N, C-alpha and C. Protein backbone atom coordinates (compact mmCIF):
# COMPACT_ATOMS: atom_id res chain seq x y z
N UNK A 1 1.01 -1.04 0.08
CA UNK A 1 0.15 0.25 0.32
C UNK A 1 0.78 1.04 0.37
N UNK A 2 0.22 2.17 -0.90
CA UNK A 2 0.84 3.61 -0.90
C UNK A 2 0.39 4.49 -0.67
N UNK A 3 0.92 5.99 0.38
CA UNK A 3 0.13 6.92 1.47
C UNK A 3 0.46 7.82 1.15
N UNK A 4 0.05 8.67 0.19
CA UNK A 4 0.36 9.93 -0.08
C UNK A 4 -0.25 11.10 0.66
N UNK A 5 0.56 12.02 0.89
CA UNK A 5 0.43 13.58 1.40
C UNK A 5 -0.57 14.56 0.59
N UNK A 6 -1.09 15.13 0.74
CA UNK A 6 -0.90 16.31 -0.68
C UNK A 6 -0.96 17.65 0.97
N UNK A 7 -1.74 17.72 1.40
CA UNK A 7 -1.27 18.20 2.16
C UNK A 7 -2.45 18.38 3.45
N UNK A 8 -2.71 19.24 4.46
CA UNK A 8 -3.40 19.75 5.17
C UNK A 8 -3.98 18.41 5.74
N UNK A 9 -5.37 17.54 4.90
CA UNK A 9 -6.00 16.14 5.54
C UNK A 9 -6.05 15.44 4.95
N UNK A 10 -5.81 16.14 3.46
CA UNK A 10 -6.36 15.22 1.79
C UNK A 10 -5.13 13.83 1.71
N UNK A 11 -4.91 12.92 1.64
CA UNK A 11 -4.39 11.53 1.05
C UNK A 11 -5.02 11.41 0.27
N UNK A 12 -3.78 10.23 -0.50
CA UNK A 12 -4.09 9.13 -1.80
C UNK A 12 -3.14 7.84 -0.74
N UNK A 13 -4.64 6.65 -1.09
CA UNK A 13 -4.20 5.16 -1.01
C UNK A 13 -4.17 4.27 -2.19
N UNK A 14 -2.86 4.38 -2.65
CA UNK A 14 -3.16 3.12 -3.47
C UNK A 14 -3.19 1.59 -3.32
N UNK A 15 -4.03 1.24 -3.63
CA UNK A 15 -3.58 -0.27 -2.48
C UNK A 15 -3.05 -1.81 -4.10
N UNK A 16 -2.95 -2.60 -3.35
CA UNK A 16 -1.38 -3.49 -4.42
C UNK A 16 -1.94 -4.05 -5.01
N UNK A 17 -4.13 -3.91 -4.96
CA UNK A 17 -4.14 -3.88 -6.99
C UNK A 17 -4.22 -3.13 -8.09
N UNK A 18 -3.72 -1.77 -6.81
CA UNK A 18 -4.55 -0.27 -7.96
C UNK A 18 -5.33 0.25 -7.28
N UNK A 19 -5.89 -0.25 -6.93
CA UNK A 19 -7.46 0.68 -6.33
C UNK A 19 -7.00 1.81 -5.95
N UNK A 20 -7.24 3.22 -6.38
CA UNK A 20 -7.26 4.21 -5.54
C UNK A 20 -8.32 5.03 -4.65
N UNK A 21 -7.83 5.17 -3.80
CA UNK A 21 -8.73 6.22 -2.54
C UNK A 21 -7.84 7.58 -2.24
N UNK A 22 -9.04 8.69 -2.42
CA UNK A 22 -8.37 9.59 -1.88
C UNK A 22 -9.34 10.16 -1.65
N UNK A 23 -8.86 10.75 -0.13
CA UNK A 23 -9.22 10.90 1.03
C UNK A 23 -9.79 13.16 1.83
N UNK A 24 -10.59 13.59 1.67
CA UNK A 24 -10.46 14.78 1.96
C UNK A 24 -10.38 15.62 1.35
N UNK A 25 -10.22 15.72 -0.16
CA UNK A 25 -9.54 16.13 -0.87
C UNK A 25 -10.30 18.71 -0.54
N UNK A 26 -9.15 19.16 -0.57
CA UNK A 26 -9.48 20.60 0.04
C UNK A 26 -9.52 20.93 -1.36
N UNK A 27 -10.08 22.36 -1.26
CA UNK A 27 -10.47 23.12 -2.33
C UNK A 27 -9.49 24.55 -2.32
N UNK A 28 -8.28 24.00 -3.63
CA UNK A 28 -7.36 24.81 -4.07
C UNK A 28 -7.27 26.32 -3.76
N UNK A 29 -7.21 27.63 -2.94
CA UNK A 29 -7.09 28.19 -2.98
C UNK A 29 -8.74 29.51 -2.25
N UNK A 30 -8.97 27.66 -1.50
CA UNK A 30 -10.31 28.29 -0.34
C UNK A 30 -10.21 28.88 0.28
N UNK A 31 -11.11 29.17 0.76
CA UNK A 31 -11.39 30.62 1.86
C UNK A 31 -10.21 31.58 1.70
N UNK A 32 -10.79 32.00 0.29
CA UNK A 32 -10.00 33.78 0.05
C UNK A 32 -8.52 33.07 0.27
N UNK A 33 -8.44 31.80 -0.36
CA UNK A 33 -7.00 31.64 -0.56
C UNK A 33 -6.02 31.56 0.70
N UNK A 34 -7.08 31.14 1.33
CA UNK A 34 -5.99 30.83 3.10
C UNK A 34 -5.32 29.11 2.71
N UNK A 35 -6.14 27.99 1.84
CA UNK A 35 -5.84 27.34 1.47
C UNK A 35 -4.96 27.27 0.45
N UNK A 36 -3.78 27.48 0.46
CA UNK A 36 -2.66 27.25 -0.95
C UNK A 36 -2.05 26.12 -1.99
N UNK A 37 -2.61 25.02 -0.78
CA UNK A 37 -1.64 23.68 -1.55
C UNK A 37 -2.74 23.77 -3.21
N UNK A 38 -1.61 22.70 -4.04
CA UNK A 38 -2.26 23.30 -5.62
C UNK A 38 -3.30 22.19 -5.45
N UNK A 39 -4.27 22.29 -6.46
CA UNK A 39 -5.41 21.08 -6.78
C UNK A 39 -5.04 19.71 -7.19
N UNK A 40 -5.77 18.83 -6.53
CA UNK A 40 -5.36 18.05 -6.86
C UNK A 40 -6.33 17.48 -7.69
N UNK A 41 -5.67 16.93 -9.23
CA UNK A 41 -6.40 16.95 -10.09
C UNK A 41 -5.35 15.06 -10.56
N UNK A 42 -5.85 14.35 -9.38
CA UNK A 42 -4.70 12.58 -9.66
C UNK A 42 -6.37 12.21 -9.91
N UNK A 43 -6.60 10.73 -10.18
CA UNK A 43 -7.84 9.92 -11.01
C UNK A 43 -8.32 9.19 -9.70
N UNK A 44 -9.39 8.13 -9.12
CA UNK A 44 -9.67 7.83 -8.10
C UNK A 44 -10.48 7.01 -8.48
N UNK A 45 -10.60 5.79 -7.65
CA UNK A 45 -11.88 5.02 -7.41
C UNK A 45 -12.78 5.67 -6.40
N UNK A 46 -12.49 6.01 -5.48
CA UNK A 46 -13.54 6.20 -4.50
C UNK A 46 -12.81 7.28 -3.67
N UNK A 47 -13.10 8.34 -3.25
CA UNK A 47 -13.64 9.46 -2.43
C UNK A 47 -14.18 9.74 -1.47
N UNK A 48 -13.09 9.61 0.05
CA UNK A 48 -14.03 9.93 1.05
C UNK A 48 -13.83 11.31 1.76
N UNK A 49 -15.36 12.21 2.46
CA UNK A 49 -14.96 13.32 2.61
C UNK A 49 -16.08 12.97 3.96
N UNK A 50 -14.51 13.75 4.98
CA UNK A 50 -15.02 13.10 6.65
C UNK A 50 -16.37 14.79 6.59
N UNK A 51 -16.50 15.57 5.62
CA UNK A 51 -17.71 16.75 6.24
C UNK A 51 -17.61 17.67 5.58
N UNK A 52 -18.55 18.07 5.52
CA UNK A 52 -18.60 19.30 3.77
C UNK A 52 -18.37 20.68 4.65
N UNK A 53 -16.78 20.54 4.33
CA UNK A 53 -16.37 21.61 4.84
C UNK A 53 -15.63 21.86 3.37
N UNK A 54 -15.02 23.07 2.49
CA UNK A 54 -13.76 23.81 1.45
C UNK A 54 -12.72 22.40 1.71
N UNK A 55 -12.04 22.45 2.77
CA UNK A 55 -11.18 22.55 2.63
C UNK A 55 -11.02 20.88 3.22
N UNK A 56 -12.01 20.31 2.73
CA UNK A 56 -11.67 19.03 2.97
C UNK A 56 -13.16 17.88 2.24
N UNK A 57 -13.70 18.80 1.21
CA UNK A 57 -14.80 17.99 -0.12
C UNK A 57 -14.84 18.40 -1.82
N UNK A 58 -13.92 19.39 -1.97
CA UNK A 58 -13.26 18.94 -3.48
C UNK A 58 -13.38 18.23 -4.24
N UNK A 59 -14.58 17.49 -4.52
CA UNK A 59 -14.16 16.30 -5.76
C UNK A 59 -14.35 16.76 -7.08
N UNK A 60 -14.69 18.61 -7.13
CA UNK A 60 -14.92 19.12 -9.03
C UNK A 60 -13.19 18.15 -9.43
N UNK A 61 -12.34 18.97 -8.80
CA UNK A 61 -10.51 18.83 -9.86
C UNK A 61 -10.22 17.56 -10.15
N UNK A 62 -10.68 16.29 -9.49
CA UNK A 62 -10.07 14.90 -8.73
C UNK A 62 -11.12 14.48 -10.45
N UNK A 63 -10.06 13.61 -11.29
CA UNK A 63 -10.58 12.73 -12.33
C UNK A 63 -11.25 11.20 -11.78
N UNK A 64 -11.84 10.93 -12.69
CA UNK A 64 -12.59 9.59 -12.76
C UNK A 64 -14.09 9.40 -12.45
N UNK A 65 -14.39 8.10 -12.66
CA UNK A 65 -15.85 8.13 -12.12
C UNK A 65 -15.80 7.83 -10.19
N UNK A 66 -15.20 8.49 -9.71
CA UNK A 66 -15.27 8.10 -8.82
C UNK A 66 -16.73 7.57 -7.87
N UNK A 67 -16.32 6.44 -7.06
CA UNK A 67 -17.44 6.57 -6.04
C UNK A 67 -17.39 7.75 -4.84
N UNK A 68 -18.02 7.72 -4.21
CA UNK A 68 -17.76 9.15 -3.49
C UNK A 68 -19.04 8.55 -2.47
N UNK A 69 -17.76 8.67 -1.03
CA UNK A 69 -17.94 8.20 0.20
C UNK A 69 -18.60 9.67 1.10
N UNK A 70 -19.43 9.35 2.00
CA UNK A 70 -19.80 10.98 2.06
C UNK A 70 -21.24 11.18 3.62
N UNK A 71 -21.27 9.53 3.73
CA UNK A 71 -22.45 8.86 4.90
C UNK A 71 -22.26 8.36 5.67
N UNK A 72 -22.62 7.63 7.33
CA UNK A 72 -22.05 6.73 7.88
C UNK A 72 -22.47 5.64 7.45
N UNK A 73 -21.74 4.30 7.67
CA UNK A 73 -22.39 2.89 7.32
C UNK A 73 -21.12 2.81 7.20
N UNK A 74 -21.00 1.05 6.19
CA UNK A 74 -20.05 0.07 6.02
C UNK A 74 -19.80 -0.13 5.03
N UNK A 75 -19.19 -0.25 3.33
CA UNK A 75 -18.66 -0.08 1.96
C UNK A 75 -18.31 -1.17 2.23
N UNK A 76 -18.28 -1.88 0.91
CA UNK A 76 -17.07 -2.59 0.25
C UNK A 76 -17.83 -2.28 -0.92
N UNK A 77 -16.42 -1.70 -1.24
CA UNK A 77 -15.66 -1.45 -3.12
C UNK A 77 -14.31 -1.27 -3.50
N UNK A 78 -14.75 -2.60 -3.75
CA UNK A 78 -13.52 -2.71 -4.81
C UNK A 78 -12.59 -3.97 -3.98
N UNK A 79 -12.51 -4.45 -3.31
CA UNK A 79 -12.34 -5.10 -2.97
C UNK A 79 -11.73 -4.09 -1.83
N UNK A 80 -11.88 -3.25 -1.34
CA UNK A 80 -11.72 -2.46 -0.25
C UNK A 80 -13.21 -2.24 0.99
N UNK A 81 -13.48 -2.51 2.60
CA UNK A 81 -13.97 -2.28 2.89
C UNK A 81 -13.59 -1.08 3.66
N UNK A 82 -14.87 -0.04 4.20
CA UNK A 82 -14.73 1.07 4.67
C UNK A 82 -16.56 1.64 5.35
N UNK A 83 -15.74 1.93 6.62
CA UNK A 83 -16.52 2.20 7.49
C UNK A 83 -16.61 3.62 7.94
N UNK A 84 -18.05 4.19 7.76
CA UNK A 84 -17.89 5.78 8.07
C UNK A 84 -18.83 5.49 9.72
N UNK A 85 -17.53 6.43 10.95
CA UNK A 85 -18.35 6.77 12.08
C UNK A 85 -18.27 7.86 12.31
N UNK A 86 -19.70 7.87 12.92
CA UNK A 86 -20.03 9.73 13.21
C UNK A 86 -19.77 9.83 13.99
N UNK A 87 -19.01 11.81 14.51
CA UNK A 87 -17.98 11.98 15.57
C UNK A 87 -18.83 13.44 14.99
N UNK A 88 -18.18 14.51 15.98
CA UNK A 88 -18.20 16.02 15.63
C UNK A 88 -16.89 16.73 14.85
N UNK A 89 -17.43 17.63 15.02
CA UNK A 89 -16.35 18.76 14.70
C UNK A 89 -15.59 18.87 16.23
N UNK A 90 -15.74 19.39 16.88
CA UNK A 90 -16.17 20.27 17.71
C UNK A 90 -16.24 19.59 19.02
N UNK A 91 -16.16 19.84 20.85
CA UNK A 91 -16.00 19.64 21.83
C UNK A 91 -17.55 19.48 21.93
N UNK A 92 -18.65 20.43 21.30
CA UNK A 92 -19.89 20.55 21.38
C UNK A 92 -21.32 20.07 21.04
N UNK A 93 -20.53 18.74 20.34
CA UNK A 93 -22.09 17.41 19.86
C UNK A 93 -22.53 18.27 19.14
N UNK A 94 -21.39 18.79 17.93
CA UNK A 94 -21.55 19.23 16.75
C UNK A 94 -22.14 20.66 16.69
N UNK A 95 -22.43 21.24 17.26
CA UNK A 95 -23.30 23.14 17.62
C UNK A 95 -22.55 23.75 17.59
N UNK A 96 -21.17 24.03 17.15
CA UNK A 96 -20.03 24.88 17.03
C UNK A 96 -19.48 24.46 15.39
N UNK A 97 -19.28 23.61 15.31
CA UNK A 97 -18.73 23.13 13.14
C UNK A 97 -19.26 21.85 12.36
N UNK A 98 -20.31 21.12 12.83
CA UNK A 98 -21.72 20.39 12.93
C UNK A 98 -20.77 18.70 12.72
N UNK A 99 -21.22 18.28 12.20
CA UNK A 99 -20.52 16.19 12.54
C UNK A 99 -19.01 16.08 11.77
N UNK A 100 -18.87 15.55 11.42
CA UNK A 100 -16.91 14.49 11.29
C UNK A 100 -17.94 12.73 11.02
N UNK A 101 -16.99 12.39 10.22
CA UNK A 101 -17.07 10.93 10.32
C UNK A 101 -15.80 10.50 9.85
N UNK A 102 -15.51 9.64 11.08
CA UNK A 102 -14.27 8.78 10.76
C UNK A 102 -14.14 7.66 10.47
N UNK A 103 -12.64 7.68 9.34
CA UNK A 103 -12.98 6.75 8.11
C UNK A 103 -12.35 5.66 9.04
N UNK A 104 -12.88 3.94 8.70
CA UNK A 104 -11.04 3.01 9.09
C UNK A 104 -11.45 2.13 7.37
N UNK A 105 -10.57 1.82 6.99
CA UNK A 105 -10.14 1.64 5.67
C UNK A 105 -9.49 0.11 5.46
N UNK A 106 -10.32 -0.93 5.00
CA UNK A 106 -9.31 -1.93 5.54
C UNK A 106 -8.79 -2.17 3.77
N UNK A 107 -7.62 -2.64 3.33
CA UNK A 107 -6.92 -3.49 2.64
C UNK A 107 -6.09 -3.63 2.15
N UNK A 108 -5.34 -4.61 2.04
CA UNK A 108 -3.79 -5.38 1.57
C UNK A 108 -3.61 -5.38 3.63
N UNK A 109 -4.58 -6.14 3.71
CA UNK A 109 -4.43 -7.01 5.20
C UNK A 109 -4.46 -5.67 5.86
N UNK A 110 -4.34 -3.90 5.99
CA UNK A 110 -4.06 -2.96 6.27
C UNK A 110 -5.13 -2.56 7.01
N UNK A 111 -5.05 -2.19 8.22
CA UNK A 111 -6.30 -1.38 8.21
C UNK A 111 -5.17 0.04 8.73
N UNK A 112 -6.66 1.11 7.81
CA UNK A 112 -5.54 2.52 7.82
C UNK A 112 -7.27 3.37 8.36
N UNK A 113 -6.48 4.45 9.12
CA UNK A 113 -7.92 5.51 10.34
C UNK A 113 -7.21 7.01 9.70
N UNK A 114 -8.07 7.15 9.01
CA UNK A 114 -8.29 8.78 9.11
C UNK A 114 -9.40 9.88 10.01
N UNK A 115 -9.42 10.24 10.90
CA UNK A 115 -9.85 11.01 11.59
C UNK A 115 -11.17 12.79 11.33
N UNK A 116 -10.71 12.74 10.20
CA UNK A 116 -11.34 14.17 8.94
C UNK A 116 -10.91 14.86 10.56
N UNK A 117 -11.43 15.76 11.16
CA UNK A 117 -11.64 17.20 11.48
C UNK A 117 -12.05 17.09 12.29
N UNK A 118 -11.76 15.99 12.85
CA UNK A 118 -12.21 15.41 14.74
C UNK A 118 -11.88 17.08 15.54
N UNK A 119 -12.91 17.09 16.18
CA UNK A 119 -12.98 17.90 17.60
C UNK A 119 -13.55 17.46 19.18
N UNK A 120 -13.10 16.12 19.60
CA UNK A 120 -13.10 15.98 20.87
C UNK A 120 -12.86 14.48 20.66
N UNK A 121 -12.31 14.30 22.01
CA UNK A 121 -11.79 13.20 22.65
C UNK A 121 -12.41 11.93 22.30
N UNK A 122 -12.69 10.73 22.27
CA UNK A 122 -13.13 9.90 21.80
C UNK A 122 -13.62 8.75 23.14
N UNK A 123 -14.85 7.79 23.20
CA UNK A 123 -14.81 7.46 24.46
C UNK A 123 -14.30 5.84 23.88
N UNK A 124 -15.21 4.98 24.84
CA UNK A 124 -14.68 3.18 24.41
C UNK A 124 -15.23 3.52 23.19
N UNK A 125 -16.62 3.53 23.15
CA UNK A 125 -17.20 2.91 22.12
C UNK A 125 -16.93 2.70 21.31
N UNK A 126 -16.36 4.85 20.92
CA UNK A 126 -15.62 4.88 19.19
C UNK A 126 -14.12 3.72 18.97
N UNK A 127 -13.53 3.69 19.80
CA UNK A 127 -12.46 2.77 20.54
C UNK A 127 -12.26 1.81 19.58
N UNK A 128 -13.40 0.75 20.59
CA UNK A 128 -13.71 -0.26 20.02
C UNK A 128 -14.72 -0.06 18.56
N UNK A 129 -15.51 0.84 18.45
CA UNK A 129 -15.31 0.64 16.33
C UNK A 129 -14.57 0.35 15.57
N UNK A 130 -13.23 0.92 15.41
CA UNK A 130 -12.43 1.62 15.22
C UNK A 130 -11.61 0.25 15.19
N UNK A 131 -10.68 -0.15 15.98
CA UNK A 131 -10.36 -1.88 16.78
C UNK A 131 -9.06 -1.68 16.09
N UNK A 132 -8.30 -2.44 16.22
CA UNK A 132 -6.75 -2.47 16.46
C UNK A 132 -6.32 -1.79 14.86
N UNK A 133 -5.53 -0.54 14.91
CA UNK A 133 -5.06 -0.30 14.13
C UNK A 133 -3.21 0.57 13.82
N UNK A 134 -3.52 0.19 12.34
CA UNK A 134 -2.04 -0.50 11.87
C UNK A 134 -2.30 1.46 10.99
N UNK A 135 -2.30 1.85 10.95
CA UNK A 135 -1.66 3.27 10.48
C UNK A 135 -3.35 4.63 11.22
N UNK A 136 -2.82 5.78 11.81
CA UNK A 136 -3.41 7.12 12.32
C UNK A 136 -2.89 7.97 11.09
N UNK A 137 -4.45 8.65 10.39
CA UNK A 137 -4.10 9.64 10.50
C UNK A 137 -4.90 11.05 11.64
N UNK A 138 -4.15 11.92 12.22
CA UNK A 138 -5.07 12.59 12.67
C UNK A 138 -4.77 13.80 13.04
N UNK A 139 -5.31 14.50 13.12
CA UNK A 139 -5.48 15.94 13.21
C UNK A 139 -4.79 16.00 14.56
N UNK A 140 -3.98 17.64 14.14
CA UNK A 140 -2.75 17.85 15.54
C UNK A 140 -2.83 19.51 15.61
N UNK A 141 -3.61 20.66 14.14
CA UNK A 141 -2.82 21.84 14.55
C UNK A 141 -3.43 22.22 15.19
N UNK A 142 -5.42 22.23 16.39
CA UNK A 142 -6.17 22.31 17.46
C UNK A 142 -7.06 22.83 16.31
N UNK A 143 -7.56 24.70 17.17
CA UNK A 143 -7.83 25.80 17.38
C UNK A 143 -9.55 25.10 15.82
N UNK A 144 -9.32 24.22 14.94
CA UNK A 144 -11.01 23.69 14.33
C UNK A 144 -10.80 22.54 14.41
N UNK A 145 -9.91 22.20 15.58
CA UNK A 145 -9.97 20.74 15.49
C UNK A 145 -9.28 20.48 16.67
N UNK A 146 -8.90 18.81 17.76
CA UNK A 146 -8.28 18.52 18.81
C UNK A 146 -6.75 19.24 18.25
N UNK A 147 -6.10 19.33 19.60
CA UNK A 147 -5.17 20.47 19.75
C UNK A 147 -4.03 19.06 19.87
N UNK A 148 -2.94 19.57 20.07
CA UNK A 148 -1.64 18.44 19.98
C UNK A 148 -1.73 17.97 21.66
N UNK A 149 -1.88 18.54 22.17
CA UNK A 149 -2.49 17.38 23.85
C UNK A 149 -3.42 16.37 23.83
N UNK A 150 -4.86 17.65 22.78
CA UNK A 150 -5.88 15.96 22.35
C UNK A 150 -5.27 15.11 21.77
N UNK A 151 -4.49 15.24 20.39
CA UNK A 151 -4.68 14.73 19.29
C UNK A 151 -3.32 13.47 20.50
N UNK A 152 -2.33 13.46 20.91
CA UNK A 152 -1.26 12.42 21.66
C UNK A 152 -2.86 11.59 23.06
N UNK A 153 -3.66 12.24 23.39
CA UNK A 153 -4.60 10.95 24.25
C UNK A 153 -5.48 10.37 23.06
N UNK A 154 -5.66 10.51 21.98
CA UNK A 154 -6.71 10.21 20.94
C UNK A 154 -5.26 8.82 20.72
N UNK A 155 -4.53 9.52 19.93
CA UNK A 155 -3.23 8.54 19.44
C UNK A 155 -2.96 7.54 20.74
N UNK A 156 -3.00 7.94 21.69
CA UNK A 156 -2.70 6.76 22.86
C UNK A 156 -4.34 6.08 23.48
N UNK A 157 -4.78 6.35 23.12
CA UNK A 157 -5.90 5.11 22.86
C UNK A 157 -5.79 4.98 22.24
N UNK A 158 -6.07 4.99 20.73
CA UNK A 158 -6.09 3.91 19.83
C UNK A 158 -4.70 2.66 19.39
N UNK A 159 -3.33 3.56 19.58
CA UNK A 159 -2.24 2.73 19.84
C UNK A 159 -1.76 2.75 18.13
N UNK A 160 -1.97 3.53 17.29
CA UNK A 160 -1.45 2.78 16.12
C UNK A 160 -0.21 1.90 16.46
N UNK A 161 0.10 1.04 14.69
CA UNK A 161 1.66 0.91 14.51
C UNK A 161 2.11 2.21 14.35
N UNK A 162 1.27 2.97 13.74
CA UNK A 162 2.38 4.03 12.91
C UNK A 162 1.54 5.98 12.22
N UNK A 163 1.80 6.33 13.49
CA UNK A 163 0.56 7.31 13.53
C UNK A 163 0.79 8.98 11.80
N UNK A 164 0.66 9.15 11.11
CA UNK A 164 0.69 10.38 10.44
C UNK A 164 0.18 11.28 11.13
N UNK A 165 1.13 13.06 11.06
CA UNK A 165 0.34 13.80 11.71
C UNK A 165 -0.49 14.80 9.92
N UNK A 166 -1.02 15.63 10.42
CA UNK A 166 -2.07 16.24 9.24
C UNK A 166 -2.80 17.56 10.04
N UNK A 167 -3.28 18.71 9.06
CA UNK A 167 -4.17 19.61 9.48
C UNK A 167 -3.17 20.11 9.94
N UNK A 168 -2.03 20.49 10.02
CA UNK A 168 -1.74 21.49 10.60
C UNK A 168 -1.19 22.56 9.56
N UNK A 169 -0.06 23.54 10.96
CA UNK A 169 0.36 25.23 10.19
C UNK A 169 1.56 24.30 9.13
N UNK A 170 0.96 24.90 8.12
CA UNK A 170 2.65 25.15 6.69
C UNK A 170 2.54 26.64 6.61
N UNK A 171 3.67 26.88 5.80
CA UNK A 171 3.15 28.06 4.79
C UNK A 171 2.39 27.90 3.66
N UNK A 172 2.12 26.86 2.67
CA UNK A 172 0.72 27.04 2.73
C UNK A 172 -1.13 26.88 2.92
N UNK A 173 -0.63 27.21 4.10
CA UNK A 173 -1.86 27.15 5.14
C UNK A 173 -1.81 28.65 6.26
N UNK A 174 -3.04 29.23 6.25
CA UNK A 174 -3.08 30.58 6.64
C UNK A 174 -3.56 30.59 7.70
N UNK A 175 -5.01 29.01 8.19
CA UNK A 175 -5.36 29.20 9.10
C UNK A 175 -5.08 29.80 10.61
N UNK A 176 -5.42 29.64 11.48
CA UNK A 176 -4.95 30.08 12.81
C UNK A 176 -4.64 28.39 13.83
N UNK A 177 -3.54 27.82 13.18
CA UNK A 177 -3.26 26.90 13.73
C UNK A 177 -1.93 25.85 13.91
N UNK A 178 -1.89 24.91 14.86
CA UNK A 178 -0.34 25.22 15.15
C UNK A 178 0.53 23.99 14.65
N UNK A 179 1.95 24.78 14.27
CA UNK A 179 2.30 23.49 13.48
C UNK A 179 2.80 22.02 13.93
N UNK A 180 3.13 20.81 13.13
CA UNK A 180 3.10 19.31 13.57
C UNK A 180 4.33 19.57 14.99
N UNK A 181 5.08 20.83 14.71
CA UNK A 181 6.11 20.24 16.46
C UNK A 181 5.14 20.23 17.84
N UNK A 182 4.30 21.17 17.55
CA UNK A 182 3.84 21.21 19.15
C UNK A 182 3.02 19.27 19.51
N UNK A 183 3.33 19.02 18.65
CA UNK A 183 2.49 17.67 18.52
C UNK A 183 3.65 16.40 18.80
N UNK A 184 4.88 17.28 17.95
CA UNK A 184 5.85 15.89 18.53
C UNK A 184 6.92 16.12 19.08
N UNK A 185 6.55 17.25 19.56
CA UNK A 185 7.65 17.78 21.09
C UNK A 185 7.15 16.66 22.57
N UNK A 186 9.43 16.76 22.43
CA UNK A 186 9.03 15.31 23.30
C UNK A 186 8.91 14.18 23.32
N UNK A 187 8.42 13.59 21.90
CA UNK A 187 8.21 12.34 21.72
C UNK A 187 8.81 11.77 21.12
N UNK A 188 8.77 9.82 22.05
CA UNK A 188 9.74 9.42 20.95
C UNK A 188 9.75 8.78 19.90
N UNK A 189 10.29 7.67 19.10
CA UNK A 189 10.42 7.68 17.66
C UNK A 189 9.57 8.41 17.48
N UNK A 190 9.97 9.65 16.29
CA UNK A 190 9.34 10.24 15.03
C UNK A 190 10.34 10.39 13.69
N UNK A 191 10.10 10.03 12.75
CA UNK A 191 10.16 9.91 12.11
C UNK A 191 9.79 11.47 11.28
N UNK A 192 10.99 12.29 10.32
CA UNK A 192 10.29 12.59 9.62
C UNK A 192 10.98 12.65 7.92
N UNK A 193 9.57 12.52 7.11
CA UNK A 193 10.58 11.71 5.29
C UNK A 193 10.57 13.52 4.78
N UNK A 194 12.09 13.85 4.10
CA UNK A 194 12.00 14.24 3.33
C UNK A 194 11.61 13.95 1.99
N UNK A 195 9.99 13.54 1.73
CA UNK A 195 9.19 13.36 0.64
C UNK A 195 7.87 13.04 1.53
N UNK A 196 6.81 12.94 0.20
CA UNK A 196 5.45 12.90 0.74
C UNK A 196 4.85 11.85 0.42
N UNK A 197 5.25 10.20 0.45
CA UNK A 197 4.77 9.20 -0.05
C UNK A 197 6.07 8.26 1.15
N UNK A 198 4.98 7.38 1.79
CA UNK A 198 5.35 6.01 2.37
C UNK A 198 4.63 4.28 1.79
N UNK A 199 5.10 3.78 2.02
CA UNK A 199 5.21 2.70 1.17
C UNK A 199 5.09 1.60 2.53
N UNK A 200 3.55 0.96 2.84
CA UNK A 200 3.15 0.51 3.95
C UNK A 200 2.97 -1.60 3.69
N UNK A 201 2.84 -1.82 4.83
CA UNK A 201 3.42 -3.23 4.21
C UNK A 201 3.57 -3.96 5.72
N UNK A 202 2.00 -5.28 5.95
CA UNK A 202 1.93 -5.67 7.29
C UNK A 202 3.15 -6.13 8.00
N UNK A 203 3.92 -6.75 7.38
CA UNK A 203 5.04 -7.58 7.42
C UNK A 203 6.29 -6.86 8.31
N UNK A 204 6.12 -5.65 7.85
CA UNK A 204 7.04 -4.10 7.48
C UNK A 204 6.94 -3.18 8.65
N UNK A 205 5.73 -2.80 9.32
CA UNK A 205 4.79 -2.34 10.06
C UNK A 205 6.30 -2.69 11.56
N UNK A 206 6.33 -1.11 11.94
CA UNK A 206 7.50 -1.23 13.36
C UNK A 206 7.28 -2.01 14.21
N UNK A 207 8.50 -2.40 15.34
CA UNK A 207 7.61 -3.51 16.37
C UNK A 207 6.61 -2.24 17.56
N UNK A 208 8.19 -1.07 17.36
CA UNK A 208 7.28 -0.02 18.31
C UNK A 208 5.96 1.20 17.42
N UNK A 209 4.84 1.56 18.43
CA UNK A 209 4.15 2.98 17.65
C UNK A 209 5.53 3.84 17.92
N UNK A 210 5.45 4.57 16.24
CA UNK A 210 5.92 5.80 15.34
C UNK A 210 4.96 6.79 15.04
N UNK A 211 5.67 7.28 14.73
CA UNK A 211 5.01 9.20 14.16
C UNK A 211 5.87 9.16 13.47
N UNK A 212 4.70 9.61 12.15
CA UNK A 212 5.70 9.34 10.72
C UNK A 212 5.61 10.89 9.97
N UNK A 213 6.07 12.00 10.39
CA UNK A 213 6.19 13.59 9.36
C UNK A 213 6.09 13.95 7.95
N UNK A 214 5.17 13.31 7.11
CA UNK A 214 5.40 13.92 5.64
C UNK A 214 6.09 15.44 5.25
N UNK A 215 6.02 15.06 4.13
CA UNK A 215 6.37 16.85 3.81
C UNK A 215 5.18 16.40 2.26
N UNK A 216 4.66 17.68 2.37
CA UNK A 216 3.24 17.64 1.88
C UNK A 216 3.86 17.45 0.40
N UNK A 217 2.22 16.95 -0.58
CA UNK A 217 3.21 17.61 -1.94
C UNK A 217 2.41 18.12 -3.29
N UNK A 218 1.87 18.93 -2.45
CA UNK A 218 0.70 19.77 -3.35
C UNK A 218 1.59 21.70 -3.01
């Protein structure tokens, strides 16, 4: 499985048989230019939308006749099993910023979890629904989502083999959010990759949990 980070909360997963999944594609130039990552123009078989905000729901530039998933439920699409678990974008049951979906993606013998714009800590029921996780993509920037401290608690509750921070401050984002360093500071087993992709296989997962910080592709 190949995982690419475009930037913000947008990822592309390519499975071993060649099925392509794009998660939370942003609108380039959205929010008055606050999101300046380049447009996502790759083709996709599946597009997952965690919530209906412009920095997470732009399907217009994506090529191909993708199946779009944006509602809770369990889906089996082209050999990929997807579970969409309802959560909230804020700590007030959605009254501030609405609802959010967590996506649990199973393919190639791996379980990849994308938390979307999660805005609160997770209870035991949701953690149980997620289950044992190989790769976790979690927001860490705060303000609109959980911050570094809350993200650490969520990560420790899920206990993935690999955690990939997302939705943090870069030179391509003008939102008032923190950088990835706020999340990684003081943690062991942090690996920064001078690239935007990692290849993951069940047999090569790290023996101890690891945080991998990617460089945005766009």
